[in-house]
Protein backbone atom coordinates (compact mmCIF):
# COMPACT_ATOMS: atom_id res chain seq x y z
CA MET A 1 114.86 252.48 166.07
CA ARG A 2 111.30 252.63 167.30
CA GLU A 3 109.50 255.75 168.33
CA THR A 4 107.92 255.71 171.76
CA GLY A 5 104.22 254.77 171.62
CA VAL A 6 104.39 253.42 168.06
CA VAL A 7 103.57 249.74 167.53
CA ASP A 8 104.91 247.79 164.57
CA MET A 9 101.59 246.38 163.30
CA THR A 10 103.24 244.11 160.71
CA SER A 11 104.40 241.69 163.41
CA ILE A 12 101.00 241.41 165.11
CA LYS A 13 98.74 238.48 164.27
CA VAL A 14 95.16 238.81 165.42
CA ARG A 15 93.58 235.52 166.45
CA GLY A 16 90.88 234.46 163.99
CA LEU A 17 91.91 236.99 161.35
CA ASN A 18 94.86 235.16 159.79
CA ASP A 19 94.83 235.36 156.01
CA SER A 20 91.57 237.31 155.91
CA PRO A 21 90.80 240.67 154.31
CA MET A 22 90.13 242.00 157.79
CA GLU A 23 93.70 241.13 158.86
CA ASP A 24 95.07 243.45 156.16
CA GLU A 25 92.70 246.15 157.33
CA VAL A 26 93.86 245.77 160.94
CA LEU A 27 97.54 245.57 160.06
CA ASN A 28 97.45 248.54 157.70
CA TRP A 29 95.45 250.76 160.02
CA VAL A 30 96.82 254.25 160.28
CA PRO A 31 95.24 257.06 162.29
CA GLN A 32 93.06 259.11 159.96
CA SER A 33 91.91 262.68 159.81
CA ASP A 34 88.25 263.44 160.30
CA ASP A 35 87.84 263.99 156.54
CA GLU A 36 89.37 260.61 155.74
CA ARG A 37 87.23 258.93 158.38
CA VAL A 38 84.05 260.53 156.96
CA ALA A 39 85.05 259.57 153.40
CA ASN A 40 85.72 255.97 154.48
CA ASN A 41 82.43 255.82 156.37
CA ILE A 42 80.54 257.08 153.32
CA SER A 43 82.40 254.64 151.08
CA SER A 44 81.61 251.77 153.44
CA LEU A 45 77.94 252.79 153.57
CA ILE A 46 77.74 252.96 149.77
CA GLN A 47 79.39 249.54 149.46
CA ARG A 48 76.92 247.99 151.92
CA ALA A 49 73.93 249.63 150.20
CA THR A 50 75.17 248.56 146.77
CA SER A 51 75.85 245.03 147.98
CA THR A 52 72.35 244.78 149.44
CA SER A 53 70.84 246.17 146.23
CA VAL A 54 72.79 243.75 144.04
CA GLU A 55 71.77 240.82 146.25
CA GLU A 56 68.12 241.93 146.05
CA VAL A 57 68.31 242.24 142.25
CA ASP A 58 69.89 238.77 142.02
CA ARG A 59 67.11 237.36 144.23
CA LEU A 60 64.44 239.02 142.08
CA ILE A 61 66.04 237.70 138.88
CA ALA A 62 66.04 234.17 140.30
CA GLU A 63 62.39 234.57 141.32
CA LEU A 64 61.44 235.88 137.87
CA GLU A 65 63.26 233.00 136.17
CA SER A 66 61.35 230.58 138.36
CA LEU A 67 58.07 232.30 137.47
CA ARG A 68 58.97 232.21 133.76
CA GLU A 69 59.58 228.47 133.97
CA MET A 70 56.27 227.97 135.76
CA LEU A 71 54.43 230.05 133.12
CA GLN A 72 56.06 228.08 130.31
CA ASP A 73 54.93 224.83 131.96
CA LYS A 74 51.40 226.22 132.34
CA ALA A 75 51.41 227.32 128.67
CA VAL A 76 52.29 223.76 127.61
CA CYS A 77 49.43 222.39 129.74
CA ILE A 78 46.96 224.92 128.37
CA GLN A 79 48.04 224.20 124.78
CA ARG A 80 47.54 220.48 125.41
CA GLU A 81 44.07 221.12 126.89
CA ILE A 82 43.10 223.31 123.91
CA THR A 83 44.21 220.54 121.53
CA GLU A 84 42.19 217.98 123.48
CA TYR A 85 39.17 220.31 123.50
CA ALA A 86 39.44 220.83 119.73
CA HIS A 87 39.60 217.05 119.20
CA LEU A 88 36.60 216.54 121.49
CA SER A 89 34.71 219.31 119.70
CA ARG A 90 35.35 217.72 116.27
CA SER A 91 34.28 214.33 117.63
CA THR A 92 31.10 215.88 119.02
CA ILE A 93 30.27 217.49 115.67
CA GLU A 94 30.87 214.22 113.80
CA THR A 95 28.74 212.29 116.30
CA SER A 96 25.97 214.89 116.02
CA LYS A 97 26.01 214.57 112.21
CA ILE A 98 25.76 210.78 112.45
CA ILE A 99 22.86 211.05 114.94
CA ALA A 100 21.09 213.65 112.76
CA ALA A 101 21.49 211.45 109.66
CA GLY A 102 20.14 208.46 111.60
CA LEU A 103 17.13 210.44 112.84
CA GLY A 104 16.50 211.68 109.30
CA ARG A 105 16.31 208.12 108.06
CA LEU A 106 13.92 207.17 110.83
CA ARG A 107 11.47 209.89 109.76
CA GLU A 108 11.33 208.53 106.23
């Protein structure tokens, strides 16, 4: 037998909430004391803050990984340029020696 003023929440389906976590929350709602309400509000606030923090950390990690990849690509380019510079420098020294030897012969 039902008590007057009490609604059997298990038979109520809320439009748009079927099979969602929110449906369980609505269906299992029971009046709470002020202490329970405060505790739930604090818990909800902590969950939202933690969720935001975790999302921000994940975003920063993705950004750092992207920056690492970019730096690795730049390092490869710089290494290639250093190698090319070293080759050019050796070629310049060899050419200078050949020119100096040629000029030395011309003086004789």
